[in-house]
Amino acid sequence: MAMNQMILVTGALFLLGIIILSANTTFRENERVVTDSEFGIAAVSLATSLIEEAEGKAFDQACTDSGINSVALLTPKSMFGPSVTERYRSTDTTLSDFDDLSDYDGFTIEYVNDSTKAQVAQYRGESKGFRADYFLQTKVEYVSAGNGAADLNNATSARTWHKKLTVTVTSPSSIDTLNLSTIISYWN
């Protein structure tokens, strides 16, 4: 009888070990999913904020003060980016802030928890509340949309009344890269 009880106890301990290992694996997987979701939500929030900020600016340098009626007056793609007198949220009184959508082309911003890290982006944002580091990169390009030949996914070298702003967010704490795009059009 003692041998049978010993076999049952050994079997019960074996089953208990399997259940504990299975529970630990499930808890670790759930923690990973929660963490990835948190990083994803923060990335979407940062990208959306930057897109909304850019949408609040003028469509092009040519129309910051008045309207225009010809695409020939728009800034060529080769001239996108801030002018030498513009800086993103500069505290220097001799410089002005971005004033049009084209200024955001090639712009980079980082949110890092450790302020002693070397800055790699053009601007370092406030990272309070973030548990990870985030790096945002923007691209602005003309796209064709109209006359039955809309092609919003591919850039065109021609100046059009439509620009596509793409914000890419990466984080060393996440395996995913987030790309958010929006089309901004000029209506006169």
Protein backbone atom coordinates (compact mmCIF):
# COMPACT_ATOMS: atom_id res chain seq x y z
CA MET A 1 0.00 0.00 0.00
CA ALA A 2 2.81 2.44 0.79
CA MET A 3 4.27 1.89 -2.67
CA ASN A 4 0.91 2.72 -4.34
CA GLN A 5 0.58 5.88 -2.27
CA MET A 6 4.13 6.87 -3.17
CA ILE A 7 3.35 6.43 -6.88
CA LEU A 8 0.15 8.51 -6.52
CA VAL A 9 2.00 11.28 -4.66
CA THR A 10 4.76 11.30 -7.30
CA GLY A 11 2.13 11.45 -10.06
CA ALA A 12 0.28 14.27 -8.27
CA LEU A 13 3.51 16.27 -7.87
CA PHE A 14 4.30 15.71 -11.53
CA LEU A 15 0.85 17.00 -12.57
CA LEU A 16 1.17 19.95 -10.17
CA GLY A 17 4.53 20.85 -11.75
CA ILE A 18 3.01 20.77 -15.23
CA ILE A 19 0.13 23.00 -14.10
CA ILE A 20 2.51 25.50 -12.47
CA LEU A 21 4.75 25.66 -15.57
CA SER A 22 1.70 26.13 -17.78
CA ALA A 23 0.37 28.92 -15.53
CA ASN A 24 3.76 30.69 -15.52
CA THR A 25 3.96 30.53 -19.31
CA THR A 26 0.44 31.97 -19.58
CA PHE A 27 1.27 34.79 -17.14
CA ARG A 28 4.46 35.67 -19.06
CA GLU A 29 2.61 35.67 -22.38
CA ASN A 30 -0.16 37.88 -20.93
CA GLU A 31 2.46 40.31 -19.56
CA ARG A 32 4.10 40.49 -23.00
CA VAL A 33 0.76 41.22 -24.67
CA VAL A 34 -0.07 43.93 -22.11
CA THR A 35 3.38 45.53 -22.53
CA ASP A 36 3.18 45.45 -26.35
CA SER A 37 -0.29 47.01 -26.16
CA GLU A 38 1.00 49.78 -23.88
CA PHE A 39 3.87 50.53 -26.26
CA GLY A 40 1.48 50.47 -29.22
CA ILE A 41 -0.97 52.87 -27.59
CA ALA A 42 1.82 55.29 -26.68
CA ALA A 43 3.24 55.10 -30.24
CA VAL A 44 -0.17 55.80 -31.81
CA SER A 45 -0.71 58.67 -29.40
CA LEU A 46 2.65 60.28 -30.21
CA ALA A 47 2.19 59.87 -33.98
CA THR A 48 -1.37 61.22 -33.87
CA SER A 49 -0.28 64.25 -31.84
CA LEU A 50 2.45 65.09 -34.34
CA ILE A 51 0.05 64.64 -37.29
CA GLU A 52 -2.56 66.89 -35.67
CA GLU A 53 0.09 69.52 -34.95
CA ALA A 54 1.28 69.47 -38.58
CA GLU A 55 -2.31 69.62 -39.87
CA GLY A 56 -2.74 72.87 -37.94
CA LYS A 57 -0.02 74.55 -39.99
CA ALA A 58 -0.38 76.14 -43.43
CA PHE A 59 -0.41 73.75 -46.39
CA ASP A 60 2.68 75.30 -47.96
CA GLN A 61 5.11 78.18 -47.46
CA ALA A 62 3.50 79.88 -50.46
CA CYS A 63 0.15 80.13 -48.71
CA THR A 64 1.11 80.99 -45.12
CA ASP A 65 -0.03 84.61 -45.55
CA SER A 66 -2.49 84.45 -48.45
CA GLY A 67 -4.24 82.03 -50.77
CA ILE A 68 -2.81 80.78 -54.04
CA ASN A 69 -4.49 79.44 -57.17
CA SER A 70 -1.70 77.68 -59.08
CA VAL A 71 0.29 74.56 -58.14
CA ALA A 72 3.29 76.21 -59.80
CA LEU A 73 3.49 78.50 -56.75
CA LEU A 74 3.83 75.56 -54.34
CA THR A 75 7.21 74.58 -52.89
CA PRO A 76 9.04 71.95 -54.98
CA LYS A 77 9.65 68.66 -53.14
CA SER A 78 13.40 69.29 -53.27
CA MET A 79 12.87 72.39 -51.10
CA PHE A 80 10.82 70.66 -48.37
CA GLY A 81 12.05 71.01 -44.79
CA PRO A 82 12.43 74.03 -42.55
CA SER A 83 14.21 77.13 -43.78
CA VAL A 84 17.39 78.26 -42.04
CA THR A 85 15.35 80.62 -39.85
CA GLU A 86 12.94 77.92 -38.64
CA ARG A 87 13.38 75.45 -35.80
CA TYR A 88 10.85 73.20 -34.15
CA ARG A 89 9.69 74.81 -30.90
CA SER A 90 12.85 76.88 -30.65
CA THR A 91 13.45 79.05 -27.60
CA ASP A 92 15.83 81.19 -29.69
CA THR A 93 14.02 84.46 -30.45
CA THR A 94 15.87 84.84 -33.76
CA LEU A 95 14.24 81.64 -35.06
CA SER A 96 10.60 80.96 -35.83
CA ASP A 97 8.63 77.76 -35.32
CA PHE A 98 7.52 75.54 -38.21
CA ASP A 99 4.79 77.42 -40.08
CA ASP A 100 3.79 75.00 -42.85
CA LEU A 101 3.38 71.30 -43.51
CA SER A 102 6.47 71.06 -45.73
CA ASP A 103 8.69 71.98 -42.76
CA TYR A 104 8.01 68.54 -41.25
CA ASP A 105 9.71 66.65 -44.09
CA GLY A 106 12.65 64.71 -42.64
CA PHE A 107 11.89 65.89 -39.11
CA THR A 108 12.86 63.61 -36.23
CA ILE A 109 11.83 63.74 -32.57
CA GLU A 110 12.73 61.45 -29.70
CA TYR A 111 11.20 60.74 -26.33
CA VAL A 112 13.73 59.14 -23.97
CA ASN A 113 13.56 58.34 -20.28
CA ASP A 114 17.26 58.87 -19.68
CA SER A 115 18.15 62.49 -20.38
CA THR A 116 21.87 61.67 -20.21
CA LYS A 117 21.62 59.68 -23.45
CA ALA A 118 23.11 61.37 -26.49
CA GLN A 119 20.42 63.12 -28.52
CA VAL A 120 20.07 61.58 -31.98
CA ALA A 121 16.93 63.35 -33.18
CA GLN A 122 16.51 67.01 -34.14
CA TYR A 123 14.26 67.57 -31.13
CA ARG A 124 13.81 65.84 -27.79
CA GLY A 125 10.27 65.79 -26.44
CA GLU A 126 8.99 65.48 -22.89
CA SER A 127 8.92 61.79 -21.90
CA LYS A 128 7.08 61.90 -18.58
CA GLY A 129 4.77 58.93 -18.22
CA PHE A 130 6.45 56.79 -20.90
CA ARG A 131 8.08 53.52 -19.84
CA ALA A 132 10.01 53.21 -23.08
CA ASP A 133 11.99 55.32 -25.52
CA TYR A 134 10.34 56.37 -28.80
CA PHE A 135 11.82 57.73 -32.02
CA LEU A 136 9.57 59.49 -34.55
CA GLN A 137 10.51 60.30 -38.13
CA THR A 138 8.35 62.20 -40.62
CA LYS A 139 8.12 62.36 -44.38
CA VAL A 140 6.07 64.77 -46.51
CA GLU A 141 5.47 64.16 -50.20
CA TYR A 142 3.09 65.18 -52.95
CA VAL A 143 0.50 62.61 -54.04
CA SER A 144 -1.92 62.55 -56.93
CA ALA A 145 -5.61 62.58 -56.05
CA GLY A 146 -8.15 63.54 -58.63
CA ASN A 147 -9.27 63.46 -62.23
CA GLY A 148 -9.96 59.74 -61.88
CA ALA A 149 -6.26 58.94 -61.33
CA ALA A 150 -5.89 58.98 -57.54
CA ASP A 151 -2.68 57.39 -56.31
CA LEU A 152 -2.42 58.18 -52.63
CA ASN A 153 0.17 55.50 -51.84
CA ASN A 154 2.87 56.63 -54.23
CA ALA A 155 4.65 59.96 -54.23
CA THR A 156 4.72 62.11 -57.32
CA SER A 157 7.44 64.54 -58.32
CA ALA A 158 4.81 66.95 -59.62
CA ARG A 159 3.37 69.59 -57.32
CA THR A 160 -0.25 68.86 -56.45
CA TRP A 161 -2.92 70.16 -54.11
CA HIS A 162 -2.42 67.05 -51.93
CA LYS A 163 0.42 66.14 -49.57
CA LYS A 164 0.91 62.91 -47.68
CA LEU A 165 2.40 63.12 -44.20
CA THR A 166 3.80 59.85 -42.85
CA VAL A 167 4.98 59.46 -39.26
CA THR A 168 7.08 56.39 -38.42
CA VAL A 169 7.47 55.43 -34.75
CA THR A 170 10.06 52.94 -33.50
CA SER A 171 10.99 51.85 -30.00
CA PRO A 172 13.76 49.56 -28.77
CA SER A 173 11.16 48.12 -26.39
CA SER A 174 8.85 46.97 -29.18
CA ILE A 175 9.39 44.68 -32.14
CA ASP A 176 6.82 46.57 -34.19
CA THR A 177 7.24 49.73 -36.25
CA LEU A 178 4.22 51.99 -36.52
CA ASN A 179 3.53 53.96 -39.71
CA LEU A 180 0.66 56.46 -39.66
CA SER A 181 -0.17 58.50 -42.75
CA THR A 182 -2.65 61.21 -43.59
CA ILE A 183 -3.48 63.14 -46.73
CA ILE A 184 -3.72 66.90 -46.38
CA SER A 185 -5.25 68.88 -49.22
CA TYR A 186 -5.32 72.56 -50.06
CA TRP A 187 -8.69 74.06 -50.88
CA ASN A 188 -8.83 77.60 -52.16
